[in-house]
Amino acid sequence: MLEDFRLAEKTVVTNLHWDLEQYENADSERMNIVLGAKDKKDRAVDPLTLIGKG
């Protein structure tokens, strides 16, 4: 889990060009939700929609 936080921090610092202070002051719960977002193709699918009942 600690490694996940480090990866999230690395992503923000390198891709958004934030400094560590900006990252530490950000709302961590919201940040984790945003960074955990998946592309539509990678999201879980309701199995009932595959058979036309969902």
C-alpha atoms as a PDB file:
ATOM      1  CA  MET A   1       0.000   0.000   0.000  1.00  0.00           C
ATOM      2  CA  LEU A   2       2.839   2.393   0.777  1.00  0.00           C
ATOM      3  CA  GLU A   3       4.260   1.720  -2.667  1.00  0.00           C
ATOM      4  CA  ASP A   4       0.888   2.730  -4.184  1.00  0.00           C
ATOM      5  CA  PHE A   5       1.085   6.092  -2.400  1.00  0.00           C
ATOM      6  CA  ARG A   6       4.623   6.591  -3.627  1.00  0.00           C
ATOM      7  CA  LEU A   7       3.566   5.793  -7.186  1.00  0.00           C
ATOM      8  CA  ALA A   8       0.657   8.240  -6.959  1.00  0.00           C
ATOM      9  CA  GLU A   9       3.006  10.925  -5.669  1.00  0.00           C
ATOM     10  CA  LYS A  10       5.490  10.216  -8.452  1.00  0.00           C
ATOM     11  CA  THR A  11       2.714  10.447 -11.050  1.00  0.00           C
ATOM     12  CA  VAL A  12       1.538  13.834  -9.813  1.00  0.00           C
ATOM     13  CA  VAL A  13       5.010  15.274  -9.361  1.00  0.00           C
ATOM     14  CA  THR A  14       6.259  14.162 -12.780  1.00  0.00           C
ATOM     15  CA  ASN A  15       3.134  14.489 -14.935  1.00  0.00           C
ATOM     16  CA  LEU A  16       1.490  17.532 -13.357  1.00  0.00           C
ATOM     17  CA  HIS A  17       4.790  19.220 -12.468  1.00  0.00           C
ATOM     18  CA  TRP A  18       3.739  19.722  -8.852  1.00  0.00           C
ATOM     19  CA  ASP A  19       6.282  20.063  -6.117  1.00  0.00           C
ATOM     20  CA  LEU A  20       6.131  17.871  -3.022  1.00  0.00           C
ATOM     21  CA  GLU A  21       4.533  20.616  -0.931  1.00  0.00           C
ATOM     22  CA  GLN A  22       1.633  20.962  -3.381  1.00  0.00           C
ATOM     23  CA  TYR A  23       1.112  17.207  -3.304  1.00  0.00           C
ATOM     24  CA  GLU A  24       1.190  17.076   0.494  1.00  0.00           C
ATOM     25  CA  ASN A  25      -1.330  19.939   0.735  1.00  0.00           C
ATOM     26  CA  ALA A  26      -3.755  18.356  -1.722  1.00  0.00           C
ATOM     27  CA  ASP A  27      -6.888  16.507  -0.584  1.00  0.00           C
ATOM     28  CA  SER A  28      -5.468  12.977  -0.492  1.00  0.00           C
ATOM     29  CA  GLU A  29      -8.822  11.191  -0.594  1.00  0.00           C
ATOM     30  CA  ARG A  30      -9.917  13.070  -3.710  1.00  0.00           C
ATOM     31  CA  MET A  31      -6.447  12.688  -5.252  1.00  0.00           C
ATOM     32  CA  ASN A  32      -6.588   8.900  -4.829  1.00  0.00           C
ATOM     33  CA  ILE A  33     -10.043   8.750  -6.412  1.00  0.00           C
ATOM     34  CA  VAL A  34      -8.876  10.759  -9.404  1.00  0.00           C
ATOM     35  CA  LEU A  35      -5.611   8.860  -9.850  1.00  0.00           C
ATOM     36  CA  GLY A  36      -7.470   5.545  -9.518  1.00  0.00           C
ATOM     37  CA  ALA A  37      -9.850   6.352 -12.367  1.00  0.00           C
ATOM     38  CA  LYS A  38      -9.782   3.777 -15.154  1.00  0.00           C
ATOM     39  CA  ASP A  39     -10.385   4.098 -18.869  1.00  0.00           C
ATOM     40  CA  LYS A  40     -13.820   2.929 -19.915  1.00  0.00           C
ATOM     41  CA  LYS A  41     -12.327  -0.152 -21.585  1.00  0.00           C
ATOM     42  CA  ASP A  42     -10.608  -1.145 -18.312  1.00  0.00           C
ATOM     43  CA  ARG A  43     -13.654  -0.817 -16.054  1.00  0.00           C
ATOM     44  CA  ALA A  44     -15.563  -3.752 -14.629  1.00  0.00           C
ATOM     45  CA  VAL A  45     -18.628  -4.730 -16.637  1.00  0.00           C
ATOM     46  CA  ASP A  46     -21.932  -5.876 -15.171  1.00  0.00           C
ATOM     47  CA  PRO A  47     -22.197  -9.461 -16.443  1.00  0.00           C
ATOM     48  CA  LEU A  48     -25.961  -9.126 -16.947  1.00  0.00           C
ATOM     49  CA  THR A  49     -25.381  -6.479 -19.610  1.00  0.00           C
ATOM     50  CA  LEU A  50     -23.467  -9.057 -21.636  1.00  0.00           C
ATOM     51  CA  ILE A  51     -26.595 -11.215 -21.949  1.00  0.00           C
ATOM     52  CA  GLY A  52     -28.966  -8.294 -22.420  1.00  0.00           C
ATOM     53  CA  LYS A  53     -30.613  -8.339 -18.979  1.00  0.00           C
ATOM     54  CA  GLY A  54     -28.860  -5.420 -17.363  1.00  0.00           C
END
